[in-house]
Amino acid sequence: RAELPLKPVAPATPVATPLRVLVDMTCERELAFLQRVLEHVGASRSSGADDAHVRLVGSTRAAETTTSALPCIVLMDATAIADDAAKSKTILRRPLRSWAIASALRAVDRGAAAMSSAAPPATKTEGASTLRGARVLVAEDNPVNQRIATRMLANLGCTVVLAANGREAVQRFQTATFDAVLMDCQMPEMDGYQATRAIREQSTQRIPVIAMTAHAMEGDDRKCFDAGMDDYLTKPVSSASLQATLVRWVGRPKPESELG
């Protein structure tokens, strides 16, 4: 299994219609994080059920008291057991991830009744077919990591462009078109956070920026999100996690010749 070795080390696709989210939560920290995610995907909070499209609750107990017909997203602790009432709703496990909330909201926007954040990933063949032809900018200063990332992406059918530091990544982004950016967080001259902010400031098109970081401490995903990144991969990055993340953000419909 190919992996990127350890090294000292978004909006996400917006919803098609302006979603109004009825939020039933009390944790101030989670509320602040959620507010940024809603702004990130072009959604907003609703003041009541009458003008809301979806309800987001912070516990299974709150979900049990939900009587409206609104689609419901339930936030649960990682080890909590979902009861029958919760199982009929969309479940997101803590710690919260911006991409998971954004994906759940997009599922509601598409009219999906429910979506599990633990849904099985696409098979290797299916995932690779949806990534074929995608152009990926890889910002990574370690030559070994560059070679491994290039090989993994090539195996998925992606075209790879390398940048050796954050400044070079910004320059390459300005002169070419990409479907996604893999951004190492710690690089010389300009780190991944600074490079992502520069890309967001200079580009009118929102391209997914996925962090690659050896840090996996609480709050790191928030730091990535605040910089304008859409998701992150923790090193060592496996082929399977890289594929699943890219499929989630840049997967495209299969060519007609591959449809059953």
Protein backbone atom coordinates (compact mmCIF):
# COMPACT_ATOMS: atom_id res chain seq x y z
CA ARG A 1 0.00 0.00 0.00
CA ALA A 2 1.50 3.30 -1.08
CA GLU A 3 1.62 5.98 1.61
CA LEU A 4 3.13 9.41 1.99
CA PRO A 5 5.67 9.22 4.83
CA LEU A 6 5.45 11.48 7.84
CA LYS A 7 7.16 14.83 7.45
CA PRO A 8 7.65 17.57 10.05
CA VAL A 9 5.13 19.43 9.09
CA ALA A 10 -13.59 25.54 2.10
CA PRO A 11 -16.61 27.59 -0.63
CA ALA A 12 -16.95 23.90 -0.90
CA THR A 13 -19.20 23.27 -3.87
CA PRO A 14 -22.09 25.55 -2.94
CA VAL A 15 -25.63 24.30 -2.58
CA ALA A 16 -27.78 24.83 -5.66
CA THR A 17 -30.44 26.79 -3.78
CA PRO A 18 -29.99 29.06 -0.72
CA LEU A 19 -30.67 26.53 2.03
CA ARG A 20 -32.12 27.75 5.32
CA VAL A 21 -30.99 25.63 8.27
CA LEU A 22 -32.88 25.46 11.57
CA VAL A 23 -30.18 24.88 14.20
CA ASP A 24 -30.94 23.27 17.56
CA MET A 25 -27.59 23.30 19.38
CA THR A 26 -26.19 24.84 22.57
CA CYS A 27 -22.43 24.40 22.26
CA GLU A 28 -21.02 27.83 21.40
CA ARG A 29 -17.88 26.38 19.88
CA GLU A 30 -19.83 24.11 17.56
CA LEU A 31 -22.23 26.92 16.69
CA ALA A 32 -19.35 29.16 15.65
CA PHE A 33 -17.84 26.36 13.55
CA LEU A 34 -21.21 25.58 11.98
CA GLN A 35 -21.78 29.22 11.09
CA ARG A 36 -18.56 29.24 9.09
CA VAL A 37 -19.55 26.05 7.29
CA LEU A 38 -22.96 27.50 6.38
CA GLU A 39 -21.33 30.63 4.97
CA HIS A 40 -18.83 28.41 3.18
CA VAL A 41 -21.54 26.62 1.20
CA GLY A 42 -23.89 29.56 0.74
CA ALA A 43 -26.47 28.44 3.33
CA SER A 44 -27.86 30.42 6.27
CA ARG A 45 -29.58 29.89 9.61
CA SER A 46 -33.34 29.99 9.84
CA SER A 47 -35.28 31.54 12.71
CA GLY A 48 -38.07 28.99 12.56
CA ALA A 49 -39.39 25.84 10.93
CA ASP A 50 -41.69 27.76 8.59
CA ASP A 51 -38.90 29.03 6.36
CA ALA A 52 -36.35 26.24 6.95
CA HIS A 53 -35.30 23.51 4.53
CA VAL A 54 -33.46 21.29 7.02
CA ARG A 55 -33.08 20.93 10.78
CA LEU A 56 -29.69 20.33 12.40
CA VAL A 57 -29.70 19.13 16.01
CA GLY A 58 -26.87 18.60 18.45
CA SER A 59 -28.09 15.44 20.16
CA THR A 60 -30.29 12.40 19.71
CA ARG A 61 -32.55 13.71 22.47
CA ALA A 62 -33.24 16.83 20.45
CA ALA A 63 -33.87 14.65 17.41
CA GLU A 64 -36.51 12.69 19.33
CA THR A 65 -38.47 15.91 19.94
CA THR A 66 -38.48 16.83 16.27
CA THR A 67 -42.05 16.69 15.02
CA SER A 68 -41.77 18.62 11.76
CA ALA A 69 -41.40 16.97 8.38
CA LEU A 70 -38.09 18.73 7.78
CA PRO A 71 -35.09 16.56 6.88
CA CYS A 72 -33.00 16.23 10.02
CA ILE A 73 -29.23 16.04 10.50
CA VAL A 74 -28.17 14.70 13.91
CA LEU A 75 -24.75 15.33 15.46
CA MET A 76 -23.62 12.43 17.63
CA ASP A 77 -20.53 11.59 19.65
CA ALA A 78 -18.17 9.13 18.03
CA THR A 79 -19.06 6.28 20.41
CA ALA A 80 -22.79 7.00 20.81
CA ILE A 81 -25.26 4.35 19.65
CA ALA A 82 -27.98 5.58 17.33
CA ASP A 83 -31.50 4.61 18.39
CA ASP A 84 -34.27 3.81 15.92
CA ALA A 85 -35.39 7.44 15.77
CA ALA A 86 -31.89 8.69 14.95
CA LYS A 87 -31.29 5.95 12.38
CA SER A 88 -34.05 7.39 10.23
CA LYS A 89 -32.13 10.67 10.00
CA THR A 90 -28.76 11.77 8.66
CA ILE A 91 -26.08 11.13 11.29
CA LEU A 92 -22.80 13.03 11.54
CA ARG A 93 -20.24 11.87 14.08
CA ARG A 94 -18.08 14.15 16.21
CA PRO A 95 -15.48 15.56 15.86
CA LEU A 96 -17.26 17.62 13.24
CA ARG A 97 -15.72 17.90 9.81
CA SER A 98 -16.55 20.74 7.44
CA TRP A 99 -16.74 18.43 4.41
CA ALA A 100 -19.17 16.10 6.21
CA ILE A 101 -21.56 18.91 7.09
CA ALA A 102 -21.26 20.39 3.60
CA SER A 103 -21.92 16.99 2.01
CA ALA A 104 -24.98 16.44 4.19
CA LEU A 105 -26.37 19.84 3.25
CA ARG A 106 -25.77 19.18 -0.43
CA ALA A 107 -27.59 15.86 -0.05
CA VAL A 108 -30.59 17.70 1.37
CA ASP A 109 -30.30 20.22 -1.44
CA ARG A 110 -30.55 17.37 -3.94
CA GLY A 111 -33.68 16.13 -2.20
CA ALA A 112 -32.04 13.14 -0.51
CA ALA A 113 -34.06 11.89 2.45
CA ALA A 114 -31.00 10.84 4.43
CA MET A 115 -27.31 10.35 4.04
CA SER A 116 -24.87 8.51 6.30
CA SER A 117 -21.46 10.05 6.88
CA ALA A 118 -20.18 6.52 7.22
CA ALA A 119 -21.38 5.45 3.78
CA PRO A 120 -18.97 2.99 2.15
CA PRO A 121 -16.49 4.57 -0.25
CA ALA A 122 -16.60 3.89 -3.94
CA THR A 123 -14.73 0.80 -5.09
CA LYS A 124 -11.26 1.31 -6.50
CA THR A 125 -12.51 0.90 -10.07
CA GLU A 126 -15.53 3.16 -9.62
CA GLY A 127 -13.50 5.84 -7.84
CA ALA A 128 -10.72 5.87 -10.40
CA SER A 129 -13.19 6.18 -13.29
CA THR A 130 -14.74 9.31 -11.77
CA LEU A 131 -11.30 10.94 -11.39
CA ARG A 132 -9.95 10.16 -14.83
CA GLY A 133 -8.60 13.31 -16.47
CA ALA A 134 -8.75 15.46 -13.33
CA ARG A 135 -5.92 17.98 -13.06
CA VAL A 136 -4.42 18.11 -9.57
CA LEU A 137 -1.89 20.65 -8.32
CA VAL A 138 0.34 19.09 -5.65
CA ALA A 139 2.13 21.58 -3.39
CA GLU A 140 4.81 19.58 -1.56
CA ASP A 141 8.46 20.39 -0.92
CA ASN A 142 9.67 16.86 -0.08
CA PRO A 143 10.93 15.12 -3.27
CA VAL A 144 10.06 11.65 -1.97
CA ASN A 145 6.52 12.75 -1.13
CA GLN A 146 6.24 14.36 -4.56
CA ARG A 147 7.10 11.10 -6.30
CA ILE A 148 4.71 9.03 -4.20
CA ALA A 149 1.85 11.51 -4.62
CA THR A 150 2.46 11.63 -8.36
CA ARG A 151 2.36 7.85 -8.61
CA MET A 152 -0.84 7.50 -6.56
CA LEU A 153 -2.60 10.22 -8.54
CA ALA A 154 -1.44 8.80 -11.86
CA ASN A 155 -2.90 5.44 -10.83
CA LEU A 156 -6.25 7.22 -10.38
CA GLY A 157 -6.02 8.69 -13.87
CA CYS A 158 -5.18 12.22 -12.72
CA THR A 159 -2.81 14.67 -14.37
CA VAL A 160 -0.33 16.04 -11.83
CA VAL A 161 1.42 19.41 -11.66
CA LEU A 162 4.01 19.85 -8.89
CA ALA A 163 4.90 22.92 -6.84
CA ALA A 164 7.86 22.85 -4.44
CA ASN A 165 6.52 25.50 -2.05
CA GLY A 166 3.49 27.64 -1.37
CA ARG A 167 4.66 30.59 -3.46
CA GLU A 168 5.21 28.35 -6.46
CA ALA A 169 1.78 26.77 -5.91
CA VAL A 170 0.11 30.19 -6.08
CA GLN A 171 2.00 31.03 -9.26
CA ARG A 172 1.05 27.74 -10.93
CA PHE A 173 -2.57 28.17 -9.89
CA GLN A 174 -2.65 31.58 -11.56
CA THR A 175 -1.40 30.26 -14.90
CA ALA A 176 -3.32 26.99 -15.31
CA THR A 177 -6.67 25.35 -14.59
CA PHE A 178 -7.01 22.68 -11.91
CA ASP A 179 -9.79 20.50 -10.49
CA ALA A 180 -8.20 20.25 -7.03
CA VAL A 181 -5.14 21.26 -5.02
CA LEU A 182 -3.30 19.01 -2.56
CA MET A 183 -1.58 21.43 -0.19
CA ASP A 184 1.16 20.50 2.25
CA CYS A 185 0.75 22.70 5.31
CA GLN A 186 4.44 23.24 6.20
CA MET A 187 6.62 24.44 3.32
CA PRO A 188 9.43 26.96 2.87
CA GLU A 189 8.94 30.52 1.57
CA MET A 190 5.15 30.31 1.99
CA ASP A 191 3.31 27.65 3.97
CA GLY A 192 0.13 25.91 2.89
CA TYR A 193 -2.15 28.13 4.96
CA GLN A 194 -0.71 31.32 3.46
CA ALA A 195 -0.78 29.85 -0.04
CA THR A 196 -4.43 28.86 0.31
CA ARG A 197 -5.39 32.32 1.52
CA ALA A 198 -3.57 33.84 -1.46
CA ILE A 199 -5.36 31.49 -3.86
CA ARG A 200 -8.74 32.36 -2.36
CA GLU A 201 -8.03 36.09 -2.57
CA GLN A 202 -6.90 35.97 -6.18
CA SER A 203 -9.35 33.48 -7.68
CA THR A 204 -13.04 33.96 -8.37
CA GLN A 205 -13.54 30.22 -8.91
CA ARG A 206 -13.74 27.99 -5.86
CA ILE A 207 -11.44 24.98 -6.45
CA PRO A 208 -11.19 22.37 -3.65
CA VAL A 209 -7.99 22.75 -1.62
CA ILE A 210 -7.16 19.66 0.42
CA ALA A 211 -4.54 19.95 3.14
CA MET A 212 -1.91 17.29 3.73
CA THR A 213 -0.69 17.50 7.30
CA ALA A 214 1.17 15.38 9.82
CA HIS A 215 -0.76 17.16 12.57
CA ALA A 216 -3.89 15.43 13.81
CA MET A 217 -4.64 17.40 16.95
CA GLU A 218 -7.96 18.86 17.95
CA GLY A 219 -8.58 22.13 16.16
CA ASP A 220 -6.28 21.42 13.22
CA ASP A 221 -9.22 20.88 10.88
CA ARG A 222 -10.59 24.24 11.98
CA LYS A 223 -7.23 25.89 11.25
CA CYS A 224 -7.31 24.41 7.75
CA PHE A 225 -10.90 25.51 7.26
CA ASP A 226 -10.18 29.05 8.46
CA ALA A 227 -7.38 29.30 5.91
CA GLY A 228 -9.86 28.49 3.15
CA MET A 229 -9.14 24.78 2.76
CA ASP A 230 -12.03 22.39 2.16
CA ASP A 231 -10.73 19.15 3.66
CA TYR A 232 -7.56 17.58 4.95
CA LEU A 233 -5.63 14.33 4.82
CA THR A 234 -3.44 13.23 7.71
CA LYS A 235 -0.02 11.84 6.83
CA PRO A 236 0.88 9.16 6.07
CA VAL A 237 -1.69 9.47 3.28
CA SER A 238 -2.85 6.15 1.87
CA SER A 239 -4.01 5.54 -1.68
CA ALA A 240 -7.48 4.65 -0.38
CA SER A 241 -7.92 7.86 1.65
CA LEU A 242 -6.57 9.98 -1.19
CA GLN A 243 -8.98 8.40 -3.64
CA ALA A 244 -11.99 8.71 -1.34
CA THR A 245 -11.25 12.38 -0.65
CA LEU A 246 -10.78 13.29 -4.29
CA VAL A 247 -13.92 11.40 -5.33
CA ARG A 248 -15.84 13.35 -2.69
CA TRP A 249 -14.68 16.72 -3.99
CA VAL A 250 -13.91 16.36 -7.69
CA GLY A 251 -15.49 13.08 -8.75
CA ARG A 252 -17.26 13.50 -12.05
CA PRO A 253 -19.92 11.41 -13.82
CA LYS A 254 -18.65 8.38 -15.70
CA PRO A 255 -18.40 8.67 -19.48
CA GLU A 256 -21.48 7.30 -21.27
CA SER A 257 -19.40 4.39 -22.55
CA GLU A 258 -18.92 3.23 -18.94
CA LEU A 259 -22.50 3.57 -17.77
CA GLY A 260 -24.42 0.31 -17.30
